[in-house]
Amino acid sequence: MNPTRKRRLTIILSILGAAVVASALVVYALQQNMNYLFTPSQVQDGDATRYKNFRLGGMVKAGSIQRSNDSLKVTFTVVDAAGAMPVEYTGILPDLFRENQSVIATGHMDGARFVATEVLAKHDETYMPKELKDAMAKAHQGKHIDESASQDKSQL
C-alpha cells in the first residue's frame, strides 16, 4: 500500500472512530436525562428498580395527606387500581393538589417510600396525561373495573 492511501485510510478510520465515540456519548447523555413514568403497582412489581429517578403517577388517596407543622414536608399516598405507594415531598404543592386527584411526582425510591422532588397535579376535570392514562388502563386490564363509571363519578 502506498503512503498516500495509508494516510487516507488512517484519516477515514480516525473520523469514523470519533463519530462512533460522539454517538455513544450522545446516547448515554440522553438515557441519563429520560424520566420514565410508572404507576404504584408497577413500582411494587419491580419495574422501576433499574432507574434511579423516575415519575410516579396515580391518584392521591383520600385521607392520606399529612402535613408537617414545622416544615413544608408533606406525606401522602398515590394509588392505582392494584397498588399504593407512600410519597414524601418537601416544598410547596400545586394549588390543584388535593385528595382523589391525579398527580405525577418526580423523584426516587428510598426504601419502601417514594421521595419526590417535584409534584404536578392535573389542571382540570377531564385532563389526564396520555402516559398515565395508558399505564392505568394497562393496570385495570383483567380487574373488571368500569372506567366509564369512575369518570362519571368524577364529573359530579
C-alpha atoms as a PDB file:
ATOM      1  CA  MET A   1       0.000   0.000   0.000  1.00  0.00           C
ATOM      2  CA  ASN A   2       1.414   3.351  -0.967  1.00  0.00           C
ATOM      3  CA  PRO A   3       1.836   6.147   1.631  1.00  0.00           C
ATOM      4  CA  THR A   4      -0.998   8.302   0.233  1.00  0.00           C
ATOM      5  CA  ARG A   5      -3.584   5.509   0.552  1.00  0.00           C
ATOM      6  CA  LYS A   6      -2.300   4.629   4.007  1.00  0.00           C
ATOM      7  CA  ARG A   7      -2.685   8.252   5.167  1.00  0.00           C
ATOM      8  CA  ARG A   8      -6.224   8.489   3.685  1.00  0.00           C
ATOM      9  CA  LEU A   9      -7.222   5.228   5.356  1.00  0.00           C
ATOM     10  CA  THR A  10      -5.864   6.461   8.693  1.00  0.00           C
ATOM     11  CA  ILE A  11      -7.804   9.735   8.383  1.00  0.00           C
ATOM     12  CA  ILE A  12     -11.054   7.944   7.438  1.00  0.00           C
ATOM     13  CA  LEU A  13     -10.720   5.456  10.305  1.00  0.00           C
ATOM     14  CA  SER A  14      -9.996   8.310  12.738  1.00  0.00           C
ATOM     15  CA  ILE A  15     -13.103  10.206  11.594  1.00  0.00           C
ATOM     16  CA  LEU A  16     -15.269   7.063  11.886  1.00  0.00           C
ATOM     17  CA  GLY A  17     -13.873   6.337  15.353  1.00  0.00           C
ATOM     18  CA  ALA A  18     -14.618   9.895  16.506  1.00  0.00           C
ATOM     19  CA  ALA A  19     -18.166   9.647  15.106  1.00  0.00           C
ATOM     20  CA  VAL A  20     -18.779   6.387  16.979  1.00  0.00           C
ATOM     21  CA  VAL A  21     -17.474   7.849  20.243  1.00  0.00           C
ATOM     22  CA  ALA A  22     -19.580  11.023  19.804  1.00  0.00           C
ATOM     23  CA  SER A  23     -22.705   8.968  19.053  1.00  0.00           C
ATOM     24  CA  ALA A  24     -22.143   6.788  22.113  1.00  0.00           C
ATOM     25  CA  LEU A  25     -21.758   9.860  24.346  1.00  0.00           C
ATOM     26  CA  VAL A  26     -24.975  11.409  22.979  1.00  0.00           C
ATOM     27  CA  VAL A  27     -26.958   8.194  23.575  1.00  0.00           C
ATOM     28  CA  TYR A  28     -25.557   7.892  27.116  1.00  0.00           C
ATOM     29  CA  ALA A  29     -26.436  11.519  27.913  1.00  0.00           C
ATOM     30  CA  LEU A  30     -29.986  11.105  26.603  1.00  0.00           C
ATOM     31  CA  GLN A  31     -30.548   7.969  28.676  1.00  0.00           C
ATOM     32  CA  GLN A  32     -29.454   9.782  31.841  1.00  0.00           C
ATOM     33  CA  ASN A  33     -31.994  12.576  31.234  1.00  0.00           C
ATOM     34  CA  MET A  34     -35.035  10.405  30.496  1.00  0.00           C
ATOM     35  CA  ASN A  35     -37.815  10.185  33.079  1.00  0.00           C
ATOM     36  CA  TYR A  36     -39.912   7.050  32.937  1.00  0.00           C
ATOM     37  CA  LEU A  37     -43.493   7.021  34.264  1.00  0.00           C
ATOM     38  CA  PHE A  38     -44.671   4.167  36.491  1.00  0.00           C
ATOM     39  CA  THR A  39     -47.837   3.501  38.478  1.00  0.00           C
ATOM     40  CA  PRO A  40     -47.622   2.317  42.104  1.00  0.00           C
ATOM     41  CA  SER A  41     -48.398  -1.289  41.126  1.00  0.00           C
ATOM     42  CA  GLN A  42     -45.598  -1.256  38.534  1.00  0.00           C
ATOM     43  CA  VAL A  43     -43.160   0.061  41.142  1.00  0.00           C
ATOM     44  CA  GLN A  44     -44.230  -2.650  43.598  1.00  0.00           C
ATOM     45  CA  ASP A  45     -43.787  -5.279  40.865  1.00  0.00           C
ATOM     46  CA  GLY A  46     -40.167  -4.134  40.489  1.00  0.00           C
ATOM     47  CA  ASP A  47     -40.435  -2.479  37.054  1.00  0.00           C
ATOM     48  CA  ALA A  48     -38.698   0.696  38.286  1.00  0.00           C
ATOM     49  CA  THR A  49     -35.790  -0.859  40.194  1.00  0.00           C
ATOM     50  CA  ARG A  50     -33.228  -0.180  37.463  1.00  0.00           C
ATOM     51  CA  TYR A  51     -33.995   3.552  37.309  1.00  0.00           C
ATOM     52  CA  LYS A  52     -32.519   5.972  39.825  1.00  0.00           C
ATOM     53  CA  ASN A  53     -35.053   8.743  39.093  1.00  0.00           C
ATOM     54  CA  PHE A  54     -38.491   8.230  37.586  1.00  0.00           C
ATOM     55  CA  ARG A  55     -42.026   9.607  37.663  1.00  0.00           C
ATOM     56  CA  LEU A  56     -44.797   8.080  39.758  1.00  0.00           C
ATOM     57  CA  GLY A  57     -48.351   8.643  38.553  1.00  0.00           C
ATOM     58  CA  GLY A  58     -51.761   7.878  40.022  1.00  0.00           C
ATOM     59  CA  MET A  59     -54.445   9.289  42.293  1.00  0.00           C
ATOM     60  CA  VAL A  60     -53.937  10.836  45.743  1.00  0.00           C
ATOM     61  CA  LYS A  61     -55.646   8.538  48.228  1.00  0.00           C
ATOM     62  CA  ALA A  62     -58.428  10.142  50.266  1.00  0.00           C
ATOM     63  CA  GLY A  63     -57.389  10.812  53.860  1.00  0.00           C
ATOM     64  CA  SER A  64     -53.695  10.172  53.226  1.00  0.00           C
ATOM     65  CA  ILE A  65     -52.374  13.758  53.126  1.00  0.00           C
ATOM     66  CA  GLN A  66     -50.376  14.623  56.237  1.00  0.00           C
ATOM     67  CA  ARG A  67     -48.624  17.982  56.569  1.00  0.00           C
ATOM     68  CA  SER A  68     -45.804  18.711  58.989  1.00  0.00           C
ATOM     69  CA  ASN A  69     -46.457  21.557  61.443  1.00  0.00           C
ATOM     70  CA  ASP A  70     -42.885  22.875  61.481  1.00  0.00           C
ATOM     71  CA  SER A  71     -41.795  22.494  57.835  1.00  0.00           C
ATOM     72  CA  LEU A  72     -43.048  22.174  54.259  1.00  0.00           C
ATOM     73  CA  LYS A  73     -42.853  18.370  54.437  1.00  0.00           C
ATOM     74  CA  VAL A  74     -45.954  16.575  53.166  1.00  0.00           C
ATOM     75  CA  THR A  75     -46.626  12.848  53.025  1.00  0.00           C
ATOM     76  CA  PHE A  76     -49.424  11.261  51.020  1.00  0.00           C
ATOM     77  CA  THR A  77     -50.250   8.015  49.251  1.00  0.00           C
ATOM     78  CA  VAL A  78     -50.534   7.593  45.487  1.00  0.00           C
ATOM     79  CA  VAL A  79     -52.797   4.734  44.376  1.00  0.00           C
ATOM     80  CA  ASP A  80     -53.836   2.992  41.202  1.00  0.00           C
ATOM     81  CA  ALA A  81     -56.125   0.003  40.622  1.00  0.00           C
ATOM     82  CA  ALA A  82     -53.832  -2.535  42.277  1.00  0.00           C
ATOM     83  CA  GLY A  83     -51.227  -0.718  44.333  1.00  0.00           C
ATOM     84  CA  ALA A  84     -50.420   2.094  46.726  1.00  0.00           C
ATOM     85  CA  MET A  85     -47.148   3.947  47.259  1.00  0.00           C
ATOM     86  CA  PRO A  86     -46.324   6.334  50.132  1.00  0.00           C
ATOM     87  CA  VAL A  87     -44.805   9.608  48.888  1.00  0.00           C
ATOM     88  CA  GLU A  88     -42.785  12.183  50.812  1.00  0.00           C
ATOM     89  CA  TYR A  89     -42.353  15.712  49.431  1.00  0.00           C
ATOM     90  CA  THR A  90     -40.768  18.820  50.898  1.00  0.00           C
ATOM     91  CA  GLY A  91     -41.844  22.022  49.199  1.00  0.00           C
ATOM     92  CA  ILE A  92     -44.856  23.984  48.060  1.00  0.00           C
ATOM     93  CA  LEU A  93     -47.530  21.837  46.428  1.00  0.00           C
ATOM     94  CA  PRO A  94     -49.513  22.986  43.364  1.00  0.00           C
ATOM     95  CA  ASP A  95     -52.799  24.769  44.065  1.00  0.00           C
ATOM     96  CA  LEU A  96     -54.776  21.944  42.422  1.00  0.00           C
ATOM     97  CA  PHE A  97     -53.228  19.251  44.630  1.00  0.00           C
ATOM     98  CA  ARG A  98     -55.902  17.519  46.707  1.00  0.00           C
ATOM     99  CA  GLU A  99     -57.355  14.125  47.590  1.00  0.00           C
ATOM    100  CA  ASN A 100     -58.814  11.947  44.793  1.00  0.00           C
ATOM    101  CA  GLN A 101     -56.899  13.966  42.192  1.00  0.00           C
ATOM    102  CA  SER A 102     -54.451  12.724  39.558  1.00  0.00           C
ATOM    103  CA  VAL A 103     -50.847  13.510  40.369  1.00  0.00           C
ATOM    104  CA  ILE A 104     -47.414  12.893  38.870  1.00  0.00           C
ATOM    105  CA  ALA A 105     -44.412  13.032  41.188  1.00  0.00           C
ATOM    106  CA  THR A 106     -40.794  13.017  40.007  1.00  0.00           C
ATOM    107  CA  GLY A 107     -38.195  11.559  42.350  1.00  0.00           C
ATOM    108  CA  HIS A 108     -36.579   8.357  43.590  1.00  0.00           C
ATOM    109  CA  MET A 109     -37.195   5.417  45.906  1.00  0.00           C
ATOM    110  CA  ASP A 110     -35.869   5.491  49.475  1.00  0.00           C
ATOM    111  CA  GLY A 111     -36.607   2.078  50.894  1.00  0.00           C
ATOM    112  CA  ALA A 112     -40.352   1.452  50.591  1.00  0.00           C
ATOM    113  CA  ARG A 113     -41.323   5.103  50.087  1.00  0.00           C
ATOM    114  CA  PHE A 114     -41.022   7.454  47.119  1.00  0.00           C
ATOM    115  CA  VAL A 115     -39.191  10.745  47.793  1.00  0.00           C
ATOM    116  CA  ALA A 116     -40.477  13.364  45.364  1.00  0.00           C
ATOM    117  CA  THR A 117     -38.511  16.363  44.146  1.00  0.00           C
ATOM    118  CA  GLU A 118     -41.413  17.717  42.067  1.00  0.00           C
ATOM    119  CA  VAL A 119     -45.187  17.208  42.230  1.00  0.00           C
ATOM    120  CA  LEU A 120     -47.584  18.044  39.396  1.00  0.00           C
ATOM    121  CA  ALA A 121     -51.390  17.976  39.654  1.00  0.00           C
ATOM    122  CA  LYS A 122     -53.840  17.751  36.779  1.00  0.00           C
ATOM    123  CA  HIS A 123     -55.187  21.082  35.621  1.00  0.00           C
ATOM    124  CA  ASP A 124     -58.881  20.386  35.000  1.00  0.00           C
ATOM    125  CA  GLU A 125     -61.562  17.752  35.460  1.00  0.00           C
ATOM    126  CA  THR A 126     -61.014  15.896  32.171  1.00  0.00           C
ATOM    127  CA  TYR A 127     -57.236  16.058  31.694  1.00  0.00           C
ATOM    128  CA  MET A 128     -55.026  13.047  32.313  1.00  0.00           C
ATOM    129  CA  PRO A 129     -51.560  12.699  30.737  1.00  0.00           C
ATOM    130  CA  LYS A 130     -51.578  10.088  27.946  1.00  0.00           C
ATOM    131  CA  GLU A 131     -48.766   8.100  29.565  1.00  0.00           C
ATOM    132  CA  LEU A 132     -50.635   7.928  32.872  1.00  0.00           C
ATOM    133  CA  LYS A 133     -53.940   7.065  31.203  1.00  0.00           C
ATOM    134  CA  ASP A 134     -52.283   4.227  29.242  1.00  0.00           C
ATOM    135  CA  ALA A 135     -50.461   2.918  32.328  1.00  0.00           C
ATOM    136  CA  MET A 136     -53.632   2.958  34.432  1.00  0.00           C
ATOM    137  CA  ALA A 137     -55.637   1.269  31.631  1.00  0.00           C
ATOM    138  CA  LYS A 138     -53.000  -1.466  31.498  1.00  0.00           C
ATOM    139  CA  ALA A 139     -53.205  -1.862  35.286  1.00  0.00           C
ATOM    140  CA  HIS A 140     -57.014  -2.144  35.053  1.00  0.00           C
ATOM    141  CA  GLN A 141     -56.928  -4.935  32.445  1.00  0.00           C
ATOM    142  CA  GLY A 142     -58.356  -8.143  33.865  1.00  0.00           C
ATOM    143  CA  LYS A 143     -59.520  -6.450  37.071  1.00  0.00           C
ATOM    144  CA  HIS A 144     -63.145  -5.808  35.900  1.00  0.00           C
ATOM    145  CA  ILE A 145     -63.011  -2.083  36.649  1.00  0.00           C
ATOM    146  CA  ASP A 146     -65.578   0.067  34.877  1.00  0.00           C
ATOM    147  CA  GLU A 147     -63.617   3.163  33.860  1.00  0.00           C
ATOM    148  CA  SER A 148     -66.709   4.955  32.499  1.00  0.00           C
ATOM    149  CA  ALA A 149     -68.392   4.720  35.920  1.00  0.00           C
ATOM    150  CA  SER A 150     -65.360   6.203  37.669  1.00  0.00           C
ATOM    151  CA  GLN A 151     -65.276   9.013  35.102  1.00  0.00           C
ATOM    152  CA  ASP A 152     -68.987   9.708  35.683  1.00  0.00           C
ATOM    153  CA  LYS A 153     -68.384   9.999  39.439  1.00  0.00           C
ATOM    154  CA  SER A 154     -65.555  12.478  38.901  1.00  0.00           C
ATOM    155  CA  GLN A 155     -67.822  14.721  36.826  1.00  0.00           C
ATOM    156  CA  LEU A 156     -70.441  15.040  39.590  1.00  0.00           C
END
